[in-house]
C-alpha atoms as a PDB file:
ATOM      1  CA  UNK A   1      44.141 -10.112 -42.106  1.00  0.00           C
ATOM      2  CA  UNK A   2      41.462 -12.548 -43.197  1.00  0.00           C
ATOM      3  CA  UNK A   3      38.375 -11.722 -41.173  1.00  0.00           C
ATOM      4  CA  UNK A   4      37.757 -15.381 -40.375  1.00  0.00           C
ATOM      5  CA  UNK A   5      41.283 -16.518 -39.565  1.00  0.00           C
ATOM      6  CA  UNK A   6      43.281 -15.149 -36.655  1.00  0.00           C
ATOM      7  CA  UNK A   7      46.990 -15.615 -35.948  1.00  0.00           C
ATOM      8  CA  UNK A   8      47.095 -16.306 -32.213  1.00  0.00           C
ATOM      9  CA  UNK A   9      49.856 -16.931 -29.679  1.00  0.00           C
ATOM     10  CA  UNK A  10      48.817 -19.144 -26.755  1.00  0.00           C
ATOM     11  CA  UNK A  11      51.095 -18.918 -23.711  1.00  0.00           C
ATOM     12  CA  UNK A  12      49.931 -21.740 -21.416  1.00  0.00           C
ATOM     13  CA  UNK A  13      52.031 -24.221 -19.457  1.00  0.00           C
ATOM     14  CA  UNK A  14      49.307 -26.850 -18.910  1.00  0.00           C
ATOM     15  CA  UNK A  15      49.382 -29.092 -21.963  1.00  0.00           C
ATOM     16  CA  UNK A  16      45.789 -30.315 -21.587  1.00  0.00           C
ATOM     17  CA  UNK A  17      44.431 -26.768 -21.715  1.00  0.00           C
ATOM     18  CA  UNK A  18      46.699 -25.781 -24.593  1.00  0.00           C
ATOM     19  CA  UNK A  19      45.649 -28.911 -26.502  1.00  0.00           C
ATOM     20  CA  UNK A  20      41.931 -28.212 -25.992  1.00  0.00           C
ATOM     21  CA  UNK A  21      42.378 -24.645 -27.227  1.00  0.00           C
ATOM     22  CA  UNK A  22      44.370 -25.916 -30.212  1.00  0.00           C
ATOM     23  CA  UNK A  23      41.797 -28.569 -31.138  1.00  0.00           C
ATOM     24  CA  UNK A  24      38.933 -26.075 -31.040  1.00  0.00           C
ATOM     25  CA  UNK A  25      40.488 -22.966 -32.619  1.00  0.00           C
ATOM     26  CA  UNK A  26      42.540 -24.724 -35.296  1.00  0.00           C
ATOM     27  CA  UNK A  27      39.420 -26.606 -36.402  1.00  0.00           C
ATOM     28  CA  UNK A  28      37.851 -23.170 -36.954  1.00  0.00           C
ATOM     29  CA  UNK A  29      40.683 -22.178 -39.278  1.00  0.00           C
ATOM     30  CA  UNK A  30      42.784 -20.103 -36.887  1.00  0.00           C
ATOM     31  CA  UNK A  31      46.590 -20.375 -36.879  1.00  0.00           C
ATOM     32  CA  UNK A  32      48.194 -20.877 -33.474  1.00  0.00           C
ATOM     33  CA  UNK A  33      51.676 -20.738 -31.982  1.00  0.00           C
ATOM     34  CA  UNK A  34      52.370 -22.020 -28.471  1.00  0.00           C
ATOM     35  CA  UNK A  35      54.751 -21.321 -25.612  1.00  0.00           C
ATOM     36  CA  UNK A  36      54.918 -23.055 -22.227  1.00  0.00           C
ATOM     37  CA  UNK A  37      57.157 -20.522 -20.446  1.00  0.00           C
ATOM     38  CA  UNK A  38      56.634 -16.824 -19.992  1.00  0.00           C
ATOM     39  CA  UNK A  39      60.015 -15.832 -21.427  1.00  0.00           C
ATOM     40  CA  UNK A  40      59.375 -17.961 -24.529  1.00  0.00           C
ATOM     41  CA  UNK A  41      55.984 -16.346 -24.998  1.00  0.00           C
ATOM     42  CA  UNK A  42      57.459 -12.850 -24.710  1.00  0.00           C
ATOM     43  CA  UNK A  43      60.157 -13.653 -27.271  1.00  0.00           C
ATOM     44  CA  UNK A  44      57.588 -15.007 -29.749  1.00  0.00           C
ATOM     45  CA  UNK A  45      55.244 -12.047 -29.237  1.00  0.00           C
ATOM     46  CA  UNK A  46      58.069  -9.592 -29.897  1.00  0.00           C
ATOM     47  CA  UNK A  47      59.267 -11.487 -32.980  1.00  0.00           C
ATOM     48  CA  UNK A  48      55.961 -12.213 -34.772  1.00  0.00           C
ATOM     49  CA  UNK A  49      52.963 -10.050 -35.627  1.00  0.00           C
ATOM     50  CA  UNK A  50      50.049 -11.822 -33.893  1.00  0.00           C
ATOM     51  CA  UNK A  51      46.429 -10.736 -34.057  1.00  0.00           C
ATOM     52  CA  UNK A  52      46.265 -11.400 -30.326  1.00  0.00           C
ATOM     53  CA  UNK A  53      47.874 -13.255 -27.411  1.00  0.00           C
ATOM     54  CA  UNK A  54      46.063 -15.633 -25.042  1.00  0.00           C
ATOM     55  CA  UNK A  55      48.166 -15.384 -21.900  1.00  0.00           C
ATOM     56  CA  UNK A  56      47.995 -17.536 -18.759  1.00  0.00           C
ATOM     57  CA  UNK A  57      49.116 -15.956 -15.473  1.00  0.00           C
ATOM     58  CA  UNK A  58      50.804 -18.867 -13.682  1.00  0.00           C
ATOM     59  CA  UNK A  59      53.792 -19.530 -15.934  1.00  0.00           C
ATOM     60  CA  UNK A  60      57.314 -20.811 -15.248  1.00  0.00           C
ATOM     61  CA  UNK A  61      60.367 -18.512 -15.479  1.00  0.00           C
ATOM     62  CA  UNK A  62      58.300 -15.360 -16.066  1.00  0.00           C
ATOM     63  CA  UNK A  63      54.671 -15.017 -14.949  1.00  0.00           C
ATOM     64  CA  UNK A  64      51.910 -13.662 -17.175  1.00  0.00           C
ATOM     65  CA  UNK A  65      51.769 -10.261 -15.483  1.00  0.00           C
ATOM     66  CA  UNK A  66      55.453  -9.686 -16.169  1.00  0.00           C
ATOM     67  CA  UNK A  67      55.081 -10.952 -19.748  1.00  0.00           C
ATOM     68  CA  UNK A  68      52.256  -8.480 -20.279  1.00  0.00           C
ATOM     69  CA  UNK A  69      54.236  -5.619 -18.736  1.00  0.00           C
ATOM     70  CA  UNK A  70      57.358  -6.368 -20.789  1.00  0.00           C
ATOM     71  CA  UNK A  71      55.375  -6.752 -23.997  1.00  0.00           C
ATOM     72  CA  UNK A  72      53.752  -3.346 -23.502  1.00  0.00           C
ATOM     73  CA  UNK A  73      57.147  -1.769 -22.856  1.00  0.00           C
ATOM     74  CA  UNK A  74      59.087  -3.437 -25.680  1.00  0.00           C
ATOM     75  CA  UNK A  75      56.674  -4.021 -28.569  1.00  0.00           C
ATOM     76  CA  UNK A  76      56.637  -1.405 -31.336  1.00  0.00           C
ATOM     77  CA  UNK A  77      52.902  -1.964 -31.903  1.00  0.00           C
ATOM     78  CA  UNK A  78      49.920  -2.817 -29.722  1.00  0.00           C
ATOM     79  CA  UNK A  79      49.314  -6.564 -29.374  1.00  0.00           C
ATOM     80  CA  UNK A  80      45.835  -7.373 -27.971  1.00  0.00           C
ATOM     81  CA  UNK A  81      46.086  -9.624 -24.898  1.00  0.00           C
ATOM     82  CA  UNK A  82      43.465 -11.862 -23.299  1.00  0.00           C
ATOM     83  CA  UNK A  83      44.557 -12.969 -19.838  1.00  0.00           C
ATOM     84  CA  UNK A  84      43.499 -16.502 -19.000  1.00  0.00           C
ATOM     85  CA  UNK A  85      43.529 -17.509 -15.349  1.00  0.00           C
ATOM     86  CA  UNK A  86      41.755 -19.063 -12.404  1.00  0.00           C
ATOM     87  CA  UNK A  87      42.302 -15.871 -10.399  1.00  0.00           C
ATOM     88  CA  UNK A  88      38.899 -14.201 -10.466  1.00  0.00           C
ATOM     89  CA  UNK A  89      38.992 -11.537  -7.754  1.00  0.00           C
ATOM     90  CA  UNK A  90      38.410  -7.884  -8.614  1.00  0.00           C
ATOM     91  CA  UNK A  91      41.926  -7.033  -7.392  1.00  0.00           C
ATOM     92  CA  UNK A  92      43.431  -9.659  -9.712  1.00  0.00           C
ATOM     93  CA  UNK A  93      41.516  -8.265 -12.677  1.00  0.00           C
ATOM     94  CA  UNK A  94      42.460  -4.680 -11.891  1.00  0.00           C
ATOM     95  CA  UNK A  95      46.106  -5.720 -11.627  1.00  0.00           C
ATOM     96  CA  UNK A  96      45.891  -7.512 -14.993  1.00  0.00           C
ATOM     97  CA  UNK A  97      44.386  -4.489 -16.717  1.00  0.00           C
ATOM     98  CA  UNK A  98      46.947  -2.230 -15.037  1.00  0.00           C
ATOM     99  CA  UNK A  99      49.746  -4.326 -16.544  1.00  0.00           C
ATOM    100  CA  UNK A 100      48.197  -3.851 -19.993  1.00  0.00           C
ATOM    101  CA  UNK A 101      45.689  -6.674 -20.580  1.00  0.00           C
ATOM    102  CA  UNK A 102      42.805  -5.916 -22.957  1.00  0.00           C
ATOM    103  CA  UNK A 103      40.457  -8.660 -21.738  1.00  0.00           C
ATOM    104  CA  UNK A 104      40.258 -11.176 -18.904  1.00  0.00           C
ATOM    105  CA  UNK A 105      38.738 -14.678 -19.008  1.00  0.00           C
ATOM    106  CA  UNK A 106      38.601 -16.877 -15.909  1.00  0.00           C
ATOM    107  CA  UNK A 107      38.885 -20.661 -15.802  1.00  0.00           C
ATOM    108  CA  UNK A 108      36.882 -22.804 -16.336  1.00  0.00           C
ATOM    109  CA  UNK A 109      35.808 -21.198 -19.592  1.00  0.00           C
ATOM    110  CA  UNK A 110      33.826 -22.017 -22.693  1.00  0.00           C
ATOM    111  CA  UNK A 111      35.933 -22.467 -25.822  1.00  0.00           C
ATOM    112  CA  UNK A 112      33.118 -20.911 -27.823  1.00  0.00           C
ATOM    113  CA  UNK A 113      33.254 -17.823 -25.607  1.00  0.00           C
ATOM    114  CA  UNK A 114      37.025 -17.695 -25.971  1.00  0.00           C
ATOM    115  CA  UNK A 115      36.708 -17.570 -29.760  1.00  0.00           C
ATOM    116  CA  UNK A 116      34.013 -14.889 -29.599  1.00  0.00           C
ATOM    117  CA  UNK A 117      36.217 -12.794 -27.319  1.00  0.00           C
ATOM    118  CA  UNK A 118      39.136 -13.277 -29.715  1.00  0.00           C
ATOM    119  CA  UNK A 119      37.024 -12.015 -32.607  1.00  0.00           C
ATOM    120  CA  UNK A 120      35.687  -9.086 -30.586  1.00  0.00           C
ATOM    121  CA  UNK A 121      39.134  -8.078 -29.339  1.00  0.00           C
ATOM    122  CA  UNK A 122      40.801  -8.320 -32.747  1.00  0.00           C
ATOM    123  CA  UNK A 123      37.905  -6.373 -34.277  1.00  0.00           C
ATOM    124  CA  UNK A 124      38.191  -3.648 -31.639  1.00  0.00           C
ATOM    125  CA  UNK A 125      41.924  -3.427 -32.328  1.00  0.00           C
ATOM    126  CA  UNK A 126      41.334  -3.152 -36.076  1.00  0.00           C
ATOM    127  CA  UNK A 127      38.846  -0.349 -35.535  1.00  0.00           C
ATOM    128  CA  UNK A 128      41.597   1.620 -33.838  1.00  0.00           C
ATOM    129  CA  UNK A 129      44.196   0.972 -36.551  1.00  0.00           C
ATOM    130  CA  UNK A 130      42.477   0.266 -39.880  1.00  0.00           C
ATOM    131  CA  UNK A 131      40.538   2.579 -42.164  1.00  0.00           C
ATOM    132  CA  UNK A 132      39.155  -0.400 -44.079  1.00  0.00           C
ATOM    133  CA  UNK A 133      37.191  -3.313 -42.582  1.00  0.00           C
ATOM    134  CA  UNK A 134      36.498  -6.484 -44.562  1.00  0.00           C
ATOM    135  CA  UNK A 135      33.707  -8.975 -43.865  1.00  0.00           C
ATOM    136  CA  UNK A 136      33.640 -11.678 -46.536  1.00  0.00           C
ATOM    137  CA  UNK A 137      32.101  -9.855 -49.553  1.00  0.00           C
ATOM    138  CA  UNK A 138      31.644  -6.599 -47.651  1.00  0.00           C
ATOM    139  CA  UNK A 139      34.223  -3.789 -47.487  1.00  0.00           C
ATOM    140  CA  UNK A 140      33.694  -0.724 -45.305  1.00  0.00           C
ATOM    141  CA  UNK A 141      36.016   2.209 -46.055  1.00  0.00           C
ATOM    142  CA  UNK A 142      35.672   4.292 -42.905  1.00  0.00           C
ATOM    143  CA  UNK A 143      37.928   7.097 -44.161  1.00  0.00           C
ATOM    144  CA  UNK A 144      35.765   7.734 -47.232  1.00  0.00           C
ATOM    145  CA  UNK A 145      32.591   6.425 -45.580  1.00  0.00           C
ATOM    146  CA  UNK A 146      32.011   4.163 -48.571  1.00  0.00           C
ATOM    147  CA  UNK A 147      30.674   0.600 -48.602  1.00  0.00           C
ATOM    148  CA  UNK A 148      30.984  -2.060 -51.282  1.00  0.00           C
ATOM    149  CA  UNK A 149      29.817  -5.646 -51.575  1.00  0.00           C
ATOM    150  CA  UNK A 150      31.120  -8.146 -54.124  1.00  0.00           C
ATOM    151  CA  UNK A 151      32.918  -5.273 -55.843  1.00  0.00           C
ATOM    152  CA  UNK A 152      29.785  -3.141 -56.168  1.00  0.00           C
ATOM    153  CA  UNK A 153      29.686   0.267 -54.470  1.00  0.00           C
ATOM    154  CA  UNK A 154      26.513   0.619 -52.405  1.00  0.00           C
ATOM    155  CA  UNK A 155      24.446   3.780 -52.190  1.00  0.00           C
ATOM    156  CA  UNK A 156      23.641   4.060 -48.499  1.00  0.00           C
ATOM    157  CA  UNK A 157      21.885   6.896 -46.709  1.00  0.00           C
ATOM    158  CA  UNK A 158      23.841   8.345 -43.790  1.00  0.00           C
ATOM    159  CA  UNK A 159      21.673   6.500 -41.249  1.00  0.00           C
ATOM    160  CA  UNK A 160      22.169   3.199 -43.068  1.00  0.00           C
ATOM    161  CA  UNK A 161      25.930   3.713 -42.993  1.00  0.00           C
ATOM    162  CA  UNK A 162      25.800   4.473 -39.272  1.00  0.00           C
ATOM    163  CA  UNK A 163      23.736   1.354 -38.547  1.00  0.00           C
ATOM    164  CA  UNK A 164      26.136  -0.796 -40.553  1.00  0.00           C
ATOM    165  CA  UNK A 165      29.122   0.762 -38.757  1.00  0.00           C
ATOM    166  CA  UNK A 166      27.632  -0.022 -35.333  1.00  0.00           C
ATOM    167  CA  UNK A 167      27.046  -3.660 -36.317  1.00  0.00           C
ATOM    168  CA  UNK A 168      30.560  -3.912 -37.792  1.00  0.00           C
ATOM    169  CA  UNK A 169      32.158  -2.502 -34.643  1.00  0.00           C
ATOM    170  CA  UNK A 170      30.239  -4.981 -32.475  1.00  0.00           C
ATOM    171  CA  UNK A 171      30.805  -8.038 -34.699  1.00  0.00           C
ATOM    172  CA  UNK A 172      30.429 -10.907 -33.891  1.00  0.00           C
ATOM    173  CA  UNK A 173      28.254  -9.767 -30.986  1.00  0.00           C
ATOM    174  CA  UNK A 174      24.527  -9.007 -31.245  1.00  0.00           C
ATOM    175  CA  UNK A 175      23.475  -5.356 -30.884  1.00  0.00           C
ATOM    176  CA  UNK A 176      20.184  -4.918 -29.062  1.00  0.00           C
ATOM    177  CA  UNK A 177      17.507  -2.630 -30.487  1.00  0.00           C
ATOM    178  CA  UNK A 178      17.824  -0.310 -27.499  1.00  0.00           C
ATOM    179  CA  UNK A 179      21.611  -0.064 -27.804  1.00  0.00           C
ATOM    180  CA  UNK A 180      21.387   0.536 -31.545  1.00  0.00           C
ATOM    181  CA  UNK A 181      18.802   3.276 -31.007  1.00  0.00           C
ATOM    182  CA  UNK A 182      20.989   4.847 -28.335  1.00  0.00           C
ATOM    183  CA  UNK A 183      23.997   4.821 -30.685  1.00  0.00           C
ATOM    184  CA  UNK A 184      21.955   6.489 -33.436  1.00  0.00           C
ATOM    185  CA  UNK A 185      19.893   9.019 -31.521  1.00  0.00           C
ATOM    186  CA  UNK A 186      21.421   9.205 -28.057  1.00  0.00           C
ATOM    187  CA  UNK A 187      18.908  10.014 -25.364  1.00  0.00           C
ATOM    188  CA  UNK A 188      16.631  11.862 -27.788  1.00  0.00           C
ATOM    189  CA  UNK A 189      13.339   9.965 -28.256  1.00  0.00           C
ATOM    190  CA  UNK A 190      12.359   8.856 -31.755  1.00  0.00           C
ATOM    191  CA  UNK A 191       9.376   7.219 -33.384  1.00  0.00           C
ATOM    192  CA  UNK A 192       9.086   3.507 -32.669  1.00  0.00           C
ATOM    193  CA  UNK A 193       9.057   2.632 -36.383  1.00  0.00           C
ATOM    194  CA  UNK A 194      12.072   4.790 -37.284  1.00  0.00           C
ATOM    195  CA  UNK A 195      14.660   2.084 -36.649  1.00  0.00           C
ATOM    196  CA  UNK A 196      12.601  -0.502 -38.506  1.00  0.00           C
ATOM    197  CA  UNK A 197      12.363   1.841 -41.494  1.00  0.00           C
ATOM    198  CA  UNK A 198      16.112   2.497 -41.582  1.00  0.00           C
ATOM    199  CA  UNK A 199      16.905  -1.224 -41.283  1.00  0.00           C
ATOM    200  CA  UNK A 200      14.519  -1.928 -44.169  1.00  0.00           C
ATOM    201  CA  UNK A 201      16.232   0.665 -46.383  1.00  0.00           C
ATOM    202  CA  UNK A 202      19.664  -0.681 -45.447  1.00  0.00           C
ATOM    203  CA  UNK A 203      18.629  -4.226 -46.348  1.00  0.00           C
ATOM    204  CA  UNK A 204      17.357  -3.081 -49.735  1.00  0.00           C
ATOM    205  CA  UNK A 205      20.845  -1.836 -50.589  1.00  0.00           C
ATOM    206  CA  UNK A 206      23.050  -4.277 -48.678  1.00  0.00           C
ATOM    207  CA  UNK A 207      21.145  -7.566 -48.963  1.00  0.00           C
ATOM    208  CA  UNK A 208      18.460  -7.625 -51.633  1.00  0.00           C
ATOM    209  CA  UNK A 209      20.707  -7.743 -54.734  1.00  0.00           C
ATOM    210  CA  UNK A 210      23.065 -10.388 -53.313  1.00  0.00           C
ATOM    211  CA  UNK A 211      23.179 -14.102 -52.565  1.00  0.00           C
ATOM    212  CA  UNK A 212      22.669 -14.004 -48.795  1.00  0.00           C
ATOM    213  CA  UNK A 213      21.564 -11.412 -46.197  1.00  0.00           C
ATOM    214  CA  UNK A 214      24.226  -9.775 -44.041  1.00  0.00           C
ATOM    215  CA  UNK A 215      21.836  -8.072 -41.618  1.00  0.00           C
ATOM    216  CA  UNK A 216      20.442 -10.806 -39.390  1.00  0.00           C
ATOM    217  CA  UNK A 217      17.558 -10.266 -36.977  1.00  0.00           C
ATOM    218  CA  UNK A 218      17.847 -12.062 -33.659  1.00  0.00           C
ATOM    219  CA  UNK A 219      14.181 -12.087 -32.675  1.00  0.00           C
ATOM    220  CA  UNK A 220      13.524 -10.487 -29.317  1.00  0.00           C
ATOM    221  CA  UNK A 221      17.175  -9.432 -29.013  1.00  0.00           C
ATOM    222  CA  UNK A 222      18.434  -7.233 -31.838  1.00  0.00           C
ATOM    223  CA  UNK A 223      20.653  -7.403 -34.905  1.00  0.00           C
ATOM    224  CA  UNK A 224      23.994  -8.909 -35.856  1.00  0.00           C
ATOM    225  CA  UNK A 225      26.232  -8.708 -38.892  1.00  0.00           C
ATOM    226  CA  UNK A 226      25.929 -12.066 -40.644  1.00  0.00           C
ATOM    227  CA  UNK A 227      29.135 -13.275 -42.299  1.00  0.00           C
ATOM    228  CA  UNK A 228      28.285 -16.509 -44.079  1.00  0.00           C
ATOM    229  CA  UNK A 229      31.631 -18.286 -43.715  1.00  0.00           C
ATOM    230  CA  UNK A 230      31.648 -17.613 -39.953  1.00  0.00           C
ATOM    231  CA  UNK A 231      28.044 -18.713 -39.478  1.00  0.00           C
ATOM    232  CA  UNK A 232      28.820 -22.070 -41.052  1.00  0.00           C
ATOM    233  CA  UNK A 233      31.219 -22.848 -38.237  1.00  0.00           C
ATOM    234  CA  UNK A 234      29.984 -25.579 -35.940  1.00  0.00           C
ATOM    235  CA  UNK A 235      28.978 -24.247 -32.539  1.00  0.00           C
ATOM    236  CA  UNK A 236      30.014 -26.243 -29.526  1.00  0.00           C
ATOM    237  CA  UNK A 237      30.098 -25.457 -25.839  1.00  0.00           C
ATOM    238  CA  UNK A 238      33.114 -27.314 -24.557  1.00  0.00           C
ATOM    239  CA  UNK A 239      34.610 -26.239 -21.269  1.00  0.00           C
ATOM    240  CA  UNK A 240      38.230 -26.120 -20.232  1.00  0.00           C
ATOM    241  CA  UNK A 241      39.031 -26.611 -16.576  1.00  0.00           C
ATOM    242  CA  UNK A 242      42.147 -25.785 -14.692  1.00  0.00           C
ATOM    243  CA  UNK A 243      43.563 -27.349 -11.567  1.00  0.00           C
ATOM    244  CA  UNK A 244      45.309 -24.210 -10.305  1.00  0.00           C
END
């Protein structure tokens, strides 16, 4: 799968919402299929190999909960599912997760947030199924614990590899300094400059010889893996509203 292009099934019976999702995600390079009825969505999800499904709950013929349940029972592989609905109670969310949803986004929602959640969910799924992760020029072979960029194998210290792995697993989300430290050292205290030193060494191997830096500092927040083609995407904050 191309890291920047996802193959997504949208099961949504309200055309205005489906159109807004299509306009935003297709402009970002993602490929979308659509279904207006639950039974149609289930048939498509069982026939094609999607990176994820965006599934509304209130659907004709077969509701989203039943679609999710049937997909989990019938599919021969795990299909990540984001449930999309105006139902925002804790009981509704628990029921959705019980039926097999991986994530839950309530309406109205930001289209930018929807895309970020799609990336995060597909990345999390890949981490469970793939030994190799690809980010533009960067390839992380988790089985061999080897990293290459632009075809060049990188010599990383064990701590540098661990830092890069944490950022890759979180992509496209930012990892705070405190969370990164906790991932590396647990609850054991460490020198305040230790993380800075390891980041510096990682950048010398991962970034310095190449055309753009892949470790990006978000000042006052933490670090994020910087994939150039994704960062060039225009950021908007459109909202989709539902009249359920």
